[in-house]
Amino acid sequence: MLKYILLFFPMSLGIGLFAFLLIPNTIQGWEKNKMKSVLLIFAIGAFFFLSFYVDSLFQDIELAATMGFIGLLLGLGYIFLRNFWVVYSALFIIILVNTLADNKYDEYNYWVVIINTLLSLTILTFDFIKDRKIKN
């Protein structure tokens, strides 16, 4: 179980940062415009669909459709909450449970997973420190 948590922290973080920070920053003015907010929700859902369809090597359209629908719900949650960390926490749990059901990453080496997690935490810490310096 620890291996899965360490493996999917950076993976879900990458998906979350793309879906809930990069896509909303690309669609300017979505906070004030209802049509752009709807476009944002569908863009996030489409991103989830495409990313999981590609991840399954174009073989599991049911999983992609399910994750696309979950992406729509998470996008809707992001519109209402406007808090990345709450939506990311839900995304992490969803991806972790989905992957635990598959058991397809059991053969991963612990050292690869630990190094991957440490690199992701280092990048997040560096970005957090840099962001704090810019704000002050």
N, C-alpha and C. Protein backbone atom coordinates (compact mmCIF):
# COMPACT_ATOMS: atom_id res chain seq x y z
N MET A 1 0.83 -1.19 0.00
CA MET A 1 0.00 0.00 0.00
C MET A 1 0.87 1.26 0.00
N LEU A 2 1.96 1.26 0.77
CA LEU A 2 2.85 2.42 0.82
C LEU A 2 3.45 2.70 -0.55
N LYS A 3 3.77 1.65 -1.27
CA LYS A 3 4.34 1.82 -2.61
C LYS A 3 3.35 2.55 -3.52
N TYR A 4 2.08 2.20 -3.43
CA TYR A 4 1.07 2.85 -4.26
C TYR A 4 0.89 4.31 -3.87
N ILE A 5 0.91 4.60 -2.59
CA ILE A 5 0.78 6.00 -2.15
C ILE A 5 1.95 6.81 -2.65
N LEU A 6 3.16 6.28 -2.51
CA LEU A 6 4.34 7.01 -2.99
C LEU A 6 4.36 7.12 -4.51
N LEU A 7 3.86 6.13 -5.20
CA LEU A 7 3.84 6.16 -6.66
C LEU A 7 2.80 7.14 -7.19
N PHE A 8 1.66 7.17 -6.57
CA PHE A 8 0.58 7.97 -7.14
C PHE A 8 0.48 9.38 -6.58
N PHE A 9 1.29 9.70 -5.59
CA PHE A 9 1.35 11.11 -5.18
C PHE A 9 1.86 11.97 -6.33
N PRO A 10 3.03 11.68 -6.91
CA PRO A 10 3.49 12.53 -8.01
C PRO A 10 2.65 12.41 -9.28
N MET A 11 2.13 11.21 -9.54
CA MET A 11 1.34 11.02 -10.75
C MET A 11 0.03 11.81 -10.68
N SER A 12 -0.67 11.70 -9.57
CA SER A 12 -1.92 12.45 -9.43
C SER A 12 -1.65 13.94 -9.31
N LEU A 13 -0.49 14.30 -8.76
CA LEU A 13 -0.14 15.72 -8.67
C LEU A 13 0.08 16.30 -10.07
N GLY A 14 0.73 15.56 -10.93
CA GLY A 14 0.92 16.04 -12.31
C GLY A 14 -0.40 16.21 -13.04
N ILE A 15 -1.29 15.24 -12.89
CA ILE A 15 -2.61 15.35 -13.52
C ILE A 15 -3.39 16.51 -12.91
N GLY A 16 -3.32 16.63 -11.59
CA GLY A 16 -4.05 17.70 -10.92
C GLY A 16 -3.54 19.08 -11.28
N LEU A 17 -2.23 19.25 -11.34
CA LEU A 17 -1.68 20.55 -11.71
C LEU A 17 -2.06 20.93 -13.13
N PHE A 18 -2.04 19.97 -14.03
CA PHE A 18 -2.43 20.26 -15.41
C PHE A 18 -3.92 20.60 -15.49
N ALA A 19 -4.76 19.78 -14.83
CA ALA A 19 -6.20 19.95 -14.96
C ALA A 19 -6.73 21.16 -14.20
N PHE A 20 -6.16 21.45 -13.02
CA PHE A 20 -6.77 22.47 -12.17
C PHE A 20 -5.94 23.74 -12.03
N LEU A 21 -4.78 23.78 -12.66
CA LEU A 21 -4.02 25.03 -12.68
C LEU A 21 -3.70 25.48 -14.10
N LEU A 22 -3.21 24.58 -14.93
CA LEU A 22 -2.83 24.98 -16.29
C LEU A 22 -4.06 25.26 -17.17
N ILE A 23 -5.03 24.36 -17.16
CA ILE A 23 -6.23 24.57 -17.99
C ILE A 23 -7.00 25.82 -17.54
N PRO A 24 -7.25 26.02 -16.21
CA PRO A 24 -7.94 27.26 -15.82
C PRO A 24 -7.16 28.53 -16.15
N ASN A 25 -5.83 28.48 -16.10
CA ASN A 25 -5.06 29.66 -16.46
C ASN A 25 -5.05 29.90 -17.96
N THR A 26 -5.34 28.88 -18.74
CA THR A 26 -5.41 29.02 -20.19
C THR A 26 -6.72 29.70 -20.62
N ILE A 27 -7.79 29.37 -19.92
CA ILE A 27 -9.11 29.96 -20.24
C ILE A 27 -9.27 31.22 -19.39
N GLN A 28 -8.94 32.35 -19.97
CA GLN A 28 -8.97 33.62 -19.25
C GLN A 28 -10.41 34.06 -18.97
N GLY A 29 -10.66 34.54 -17.76
CA GLY A 29 -11.95 35.10 -17.40
C GLY A 29 -13.04 34.09 -17.09
N TRP A 30 -12.68 32.86 -16.78
CA TRP A 30 -13.69 31.84 -16.50
C TRP A 30 -14.42 32.11 -15.19
N GLU A 31 -13.81 32.90 -14.28
CA GLU A 31 -14.44 33.17 -12.99
C GLU A 31 -15.70 34.02 -13.15
N LYS A 32 -15.73 34.89 -14.15
CA LYS A 32 -16.83 35.84 -14.31
C LYS A 32 -17.79 35.48 -15.44
N ASN A 33 -17.42 34.56 -16.29
CA ASN A 33 -18.21 34.24 -17.47
C ASN A 33 -18.72 32.80 -17.36
N LYS A 34 -20.05 32.63 -17.38
CA LYS A 34 -20.63 31.29 -17.22
C LYS A 34 -20.29 30.37 -18.39
N MET A 35 -20.26 30.90 -19.60
CA MET A 35 -19.92 30.07 -20.76
C MET A 35 -18.48 29.56 -20.67
N LYS A 36 -17.58 30.42 -20.23
CA LYS A 36 -16.19 29.99 -20.08
C LYS A 36 -16.04 29.01 -18.92
N SER A 37 -16.87 29.15 -17.89
CA SER A 37 -16.84 28.18 -16.79
C SER A 37 -17.29 26.81 -17.26
N VAL A 38 -18.33 26.78 -18.09
CA VAL A 38 -18.79 25.50 -18.66
C VAL A 38 -17.72 24.92 -19.57
N LEU A 39 -17.08 25.78 -20.36
CA LEU A 39 -15.98 25.33 -21.23
C LEU A 39 -14.85 24.74 -20.39
N LEU A 40 -14.56 25.36 -19.26
CA LEU A 40 -13.51 24.85 -18.37
C LEU A 40 -13.86 23.46 -17.84
N ILE A 41 -15.10 23.28 -17.43
CA ILE A 41 -15.53 21.97 -16.92
C ILE A 41 -15.37 20.89 -18.00
N PHE A 42 -15.82 21.20 -19.21
CA PHE A 42 -15.70 20.22 -20.30
C PHE A 42 -14.25 20.00 -20.72
N ALA A 43 -13.42 21.04 -20.63
CA ALA A 43 -12.00 20.87 -20.96
C ALA A 43 -11.32 19.95 -19.95
N ILE A 44 -11.66 20.10 -18.68
CA ILE A 44 -11.09 19.22 -17.65
C ILE A 44 -11.58 17.79 -17.85
N GLY A 45 -12.87 17.61 -18.13
CA GLY A 45 -13.41 16.27 -18.40
C GLY A 45 -12.77 15.63 -19.61
N ALA A 46 -12.59 16.41 -20.68
CA ALA A 46 -11.94 15.88 -21.89
C ALA A 46 -10.49 15.51 -21.62
N PHE A 47 -9.80 16.32 -20.82
CA PHE A 47 -8.42 16.00 -20.46
C PHE A 47 -8.35 14.67 -19.71
N PHE A 48 -9.24 14.47 -18.75
CA PHE A 48 -9.25 13.21 -18.00
C PHE A 48 -9.54 12.04 -18.93
N PHE A 49 -10.53 12.20 -19.81
CA PHE A 49 -10.86 11.13 -20.75
C PHE A 49 -9.65 10.77 -21.60
N LEU A 50 -9.05 11.78 -22.22
CA LEU A 50 -7.92 11.52 -23.12
C LEU A 50 -6.71 10.96 -22.39
N SER A 51 -6.42 11.49 -21.20
CA SER A 51 -5.23 11.01 -20.50
C SER A 51 -5.37 9.55 -20.07
N PHE A 52 -6.55 9.15 -19.62
CA PHE A 52 -6.72 7.76 -19.21
C PHE A 52 -6.91 6.83 -20.40
N TYR A 53 -7.43 7.35 -21.50
CA TYR A 53 -7.53 6.53 -22.71
C TYR A 53 -6.15 6.25 -23.29
N VAL A 54 -5.30 7.27 -23.29
CA VAL A 54 -3.92 7.07 -23.75
C VAL A 54 -3.16 6.17 -22.78
N ASP A 55 -3.40 6.35 -21.47
CA ASP A 55 -2.72 5.53 -20.46
C ASP A 55 -3.03 4.05 -20.63
N SER A 56 -4.25 3.74 -21.06
CA SER A 56 -4.61 2.34 -21.29
C SER A 56 -4.21 1.87 -22.69
N LEU A 57 -3.43 2.68 -23.40
CA LEU A 57 -2.99 2.39 -24.76
C LEU A 57 -4.18 2.17 -25.70
N PHE A 58 -5.18 3.01 -25.56
CA PHE A 58 -6.37 3.02 -26.42
C PHE A 58 -7.16 1.72 -26.37
N GLN A 59 -7.13 1.03 -25.23
CA GLN A 59 -7.80 -0.26 -25.14
C GLN A 59 -8.96 -0.28 -24.16
N ASP A 60 -9.01 0.65 -23.21
CA ASP A 60 -10.05 0.60 -22.18
C ASP A 60 -10.88 1.88 -22.24
N ILE A 61 -11.82 1.91 -23.16
CA ILE A 61 -12.65 3.11 -23.32
C ILE A 61 -13.63 3.27 -22.16
N GLU A 62 -14.01 2.16 -21.50
CA GLU A 62 -14.91 2.26 -20.36
C GLU A 62 -14.24 3.00 -19.21
N LEU A 63 -12.98 2.66 -18.92
CA LEU A 63 -12.24 3.36 -17.88
C LEU A 63 -12.07 4.83 -18.25
N ALA A 64 -11.76 5.09 -19.51
CA ALA A 64 -11.58 6.47 -19.96
C ALA A 64 -12.87 7.26 -19.82
N ALA A 65 -14.00 6.65 -20.17
CA ALA A 65 -15.29 7.34 -20.04
C ALA A 65 -15.62 7.59 -18.58
N THR A 66 -15.35 6.61 -17.73
CA THR A 66 -15.59 6.78 -16.30
C THR A 66 -14.73 7.90 -15.74
N MET A 67 -13.45 7.90 -16.09
CA MET A 67 -12.57 8.95 -15.59
C MET A 67 -12.90 10.31 -16.22
N GLY A 68 -13.40 10.31 -17.45
CA GLY A 68 -13.87 11.56 -18.05
C GLY A 68 -15.05 12.14 -17.28
N PHE A 69 -15.98 11.27 -16.88
CA PHE A 69 -17.11 11.71 -16.07
C PHE A 69 -16.64 12.21 -14.71
N ILE A 70 -15.71 11.48 -14.10
CA ILE A 70 -15.15 11.93 -12.82
C ILE A 70 -14.43 13.26 -13.00
N GLY A 71 -13.76 13.44 -14.14
CA GLY A 71 -13.13 14.72 -14.44
C GLY A 71 -14.14 15.85 -14.53
N LEU A 72 -15.30 15.58 -15.12
CA LEU A 72 -16.37 16.58 -15.15
C LEU A 72 -16.81 16.96 -13.74
N LEU A 73 -16.97 15.94 -12.89
CA LEU A 73 -17.38 16.21 -11.50
C LEU A 73 -16.30 16.97 -10.74
N LEU A 74 -15.04 16.60 -10.94
CA LEU A 74 -13.95 17.32 -10.28
C LEU A 74 -13.84 18.75 -10.81
N GLY A 75 -14.06 18.93 -12.10
CA GLY A 75 -14.07 20.28 -12.67
C GLY A 75 -15.18 21.12 -12.08
N LEU A 76 -16.35 20.52 -11.91
CA LEU A 76 -17.46 21.22 -11.27
C LEU A 76 -17.12 21.57 -9.83
N GLY A 77 -16.48 20.62 -9.13
CA GLY A 77 -16.04 20.90 -7.76
C GLY A 77 -15.02 22.03 -7.71
N TYR A 78 -14.14 22.07 -8.69
CA TYR A 78 -13.14 23.14 -8.73
C TYR A 78 -13.80 24.49 -8.99
N ILE A 79 -14.82 24.52 -9.84
CA ILE A 79 -15.54 25.77 -10.12
C ILE A 79 -16.16 26.31 -8.84
N PHE A 80 -16.78 25.42 -8.05
CA PHE A 80 -17.46 25.87 -6.84
C PHE A 80 -16.50 26.15 -5.69
N LEU A 81 -15.51 25.29 -5.50
CA LEU A 81 -14.61 25.43 -4.35
C LEU A 81 -13.46 26.40 -4.61
N ARG A 82 -12.94 26.39 -5.84
CA ARG A 82 -11.78 27.19 -6.23
C ARG A 82 -10.59 26.96 -5.29
N ASN A 83 -10.45 25.71 -4.89
CA ASN A 83 -9.36 25.32 -4.01
C ASN A 83 -8.70 24.08 -4.61
N PHE A 84 -7.48 24.25 -5.09
CA PHE A 84 -6.76 23.15 -5.73
C PHE A 84 -6.57 21.98 -4.79
N TRP A 85 -6.20 22.23 -3.54
CA TRP A 85 -5.82 21.15 -2.64
C TRP A 85 -6.99 20.25 -2.24
N VAL A 86 -8.18 20.81 -2.14
CA VAL A 86 -9.35 19.98 -1.83
C VAL A 86 -9.68 19.07 -3.01
N VAL A 87 -9.69 19.64 -4.21
CA VAL A 87 -9.99 18.84 -5.41
C VAL A 87 -8.86 17.84 -5.67
N TYR A 88 -7.61 18.24 -5.43
CA TYR A 88 -6.49 17.32 -5.62
C TYR A 88 -6.58 16.14 -4.65
N SER A 89 -6.98 16.40 -3.41
CA SER A 89 -7.11 15.30 -2.43
C SER A 89 -8.13 14.27 -2.91
N ALA A 90 -9.25 14.75 -3.44
CA ALA A 90 -10.25 13.82 -3.98
C ALA A 90 -9.69 13.06 -5.17
N LEU A 91 -8.97 13.75 -6.05
CA LEU A 91 -8.36 13.11 -7.21
C LEU A 91 -7.36 12.04 -6.79
N PHE A 92 -6.53 12.33 -5.80
CA PHE A 92 -5.54 11.36 -5.33
C PHE A 92 -6.22 10.09 -4.83
N ILE A 93 -7.27 10.24 -4.04
CA ILE A 93 -7.98 9.08 -3.51
C ILE A 93 -8.62 8.27 -4.64
N ILE A 94 -9.21 8.97 -5.61
CA ILE A 94 -9.85 8.28 -6.74
C ILE A 94 -8.82 7.48 -7.54
N ILE A 95 -7.70 8.10 -7.85
CA ILE A 95 -6.67 7.41 -8.64
C ILE A 95 -6.06 6.26 -7.85
N LEU A 96 -5.85 6.45 -6.55
CA LEU A 96 -5.28 5.40 -5.72
C LEU A 96 -6.21 4.19 -5.66
N VAL A 97 -7.49 4.41 -5.42
CA VAL A 97 -8.45 3.30 -5.34
C VAL A 97 -8.58 2.61 -6.70
N ASN A 98 -8.61 3.39 -7.78
CA ASN A 98 -8.70 2.82 -9.12
C ASN A 98 -7.50 1.91 -9.41
N THR A 99 -6.33 2.33 -9.01
CA THR A 99 -5.13 1.56 -9.30
C THR A 99 -4.98 0.36 -8.37
N LEU A 100 -5.40 0.50 -7.12
CA LEU A 100 -5.34 -0.64 -6.21
C LEU A 100 -6.23 -1.78 -6.71
N ALA A 101 -7.32 -1.43 -7.38
CA ALA A 101 -8.20 -2.47 -7.93
C ALA A 101 -7.52 -3.24 -9.06
N ASP A 102 -6.61 -2.59 -9.78
CA ASP A 102 -5.94 -3.24 -10.92
C ASP A 102 -4.73 -4.07 -10.52
N ASN A 103 -4.02 -3.70 -9.47
CA ASN A 103 -2.78 -4.36 -9.03
C ASN A 103 -1.75 -4.46 -10.15
N LYS A 104 -1.63 -3.45 -10.97
CA LYS A 104 -0.70 -3.56 -12.10
C LYS A 104 0.67 -2.96 -11.82
N TYR A 105 0.88 -2.38 -10.66
CA TYR A 105 2.18 -1.78 -10.35
C TYR A 105 2.90 -2.50 -9.22
N ASP A 106 2.54 -3.75 -8.97
CA ASP A 106 3.16 -4.49 -7.87
C ASP A 106 4.64 -4.74 -8.09
N GLU A 107 5.08 -4.86 -9.33
CA GLU A 107 6.48 -5.19 -9.60
C GLU A 107 7.41 -3.98 -9.59
N TYR A 108 6.89 -2.78 -9.35
CA TYR A 108 7.75 -1.59 -9.32
C TYR A 108 8.72 -1.67 -8.15
N ASN A 109 9.94 -1.25 -8.39
CA ASN A 109 10.97 -1.23 -7.37
C ASN A 109 10.70 -0.09 -6.39
N TYR A 110 10.89 -0.35 -5.09
CA TYR A 110 10.66 0.68 -4.08
C TYR A 110 11.57 1.89 -4.27
N TRP A 111 12.81 1.67 -4.66
CA TRP A 111 13.75 2.79 -4.80
C TRP A 111 13.33 3.75 -5.91
N VAL A 112 12.80 3.22 -6.97
CA VAL A 112 12.31 4.08 -8.06
C VAL A 112 11.15 4.93 -7.56
N VAL A 113 10.26 4.32 -6.81
CA VAL A 113 9.10 5.03 -6.28
C VAL A 113 9.53 6.10 -5.27
N ILE A 114 10.46 5.77 -4.39
CA ILE A 114 10.92 6.72 -3.38
C ILE A 114 11.64 7.89 -4.04
N ILE A 115 12.50 7.63 -4.99
CA ILE A 115 13.22 8.71 -5.68
C ILE A 115 12.23 9.59 -6.45
N ASN A 116 11.26 9.00 -7.08
CA ASN A 116 10.23 9.75 -7.80
C ASN A 116 9.47 10.67 -6.86
N THR A 117 9.09 10.17 -5.70
CA THR A 117 8.37 10.97 -4.72
C THR A 117 9.24 12.09 -4.18
N LEU A 118 10.50 11.80 -3.87
CA LEU A 118 11.40 12.84 -3.36
C LEU A 118 11.64 13.94 -4.39
N LEU A 119 11.80 13.56 -5.64
CA LEU A 119 11.96 14.58 -6.70
C LEU A 119 10.72 15.46 -6.82
N SER A 120 9.56 14.86 -6.74
CA SER A 120 8.32 15.64 -6.82
C SER A 120 8.18 16.58 -5.64
N LEU A 121 8.51 16.11 -4.45
CA LEU A 121 8.45 16.97 -3.27
C LEU A 121 9.47 18.10 -3.36
N THR A 122 10.65 17.82 -3.91
CA THR A 122 11.66 18.86 -4.09
C THR A 122 11.18 19.93 -5.05
N ILE A 123 10.59 19.52 -6.15
CA ILE A 123 10.06 20.49 -7.13
C ILE A 123 8.95 21.32 -6.50
N LEU A 124 8.05 20.69 -5.75
CA LEU A 124 6.98 21.44 -5.09
C LEU A 124 7.53 22.43 -4.07
N THR A 125 8.51 22.00 -3.29
CA THR A 125 9.11 22.88 -2.29
C THR A 125 9.80 24.06 -2.96
N PHE A 126 10.55 23.81 -4.01
CA PHE A 126 11.23 24.88 -4.74
C PHE A 126 10.21 25.87 -5.31
N ASP A 127 9.13 25.37 -5.88
CA ASP A 127 8.11 26.24 -6.44
C ASP A 127 7.41 27.04 -5.34
N PHE A 128 7.15 26.41 -4.20
CA PHE A 128 6.51 27.10 -3.08
C PHE A 128 7.39 28.23 -2.57
N ILE A 129 8.69 27.96 -2.40
CA ILE A 129 9.63 28.99 -1.92
C ILE A 129 9.73 30.12 -2.94
N LYS A 130 9.83 29.77 -4.20
CA LYS A 130 9.92 30.78 -5.26
C LYS A 130 8.65 31.64 -5.30
N ASP A 131 7.49 31.01 -5.15
CA ASP A 131 6.23 31.74 -5.15
C ASP A 131 6.12 32.68 -3.95
N ARG A 132 6.60 32.24 -2.81
CA ARG A 132 6.57 33.09 -1.60
C ARG A 132 7.47 34.30 -1.77
N LYS A 133 8.63 34.12 -2.41
CA LYS A 133 9.54 35.24 -2.64
C LYS A 133 8.94 36.25 -3.61
N ILE A 134 8.22 35.77 -4.61
CA ILE A 134 7.60 36.68 -5.59
C ILE A 134 6.49 37.49 -4.93
N LYS A 135 5.72 36.89 -4.04
CA LYS A 135 4.61 37.59 -3.38
C LYS A 135 5.12 38.63 -2.38
N ASN A 136 6.28 38.42 -1.80
CA ASN A 136 6.81 39.37 -0.80
C ASN A 136 7.65 40.38 -1.46
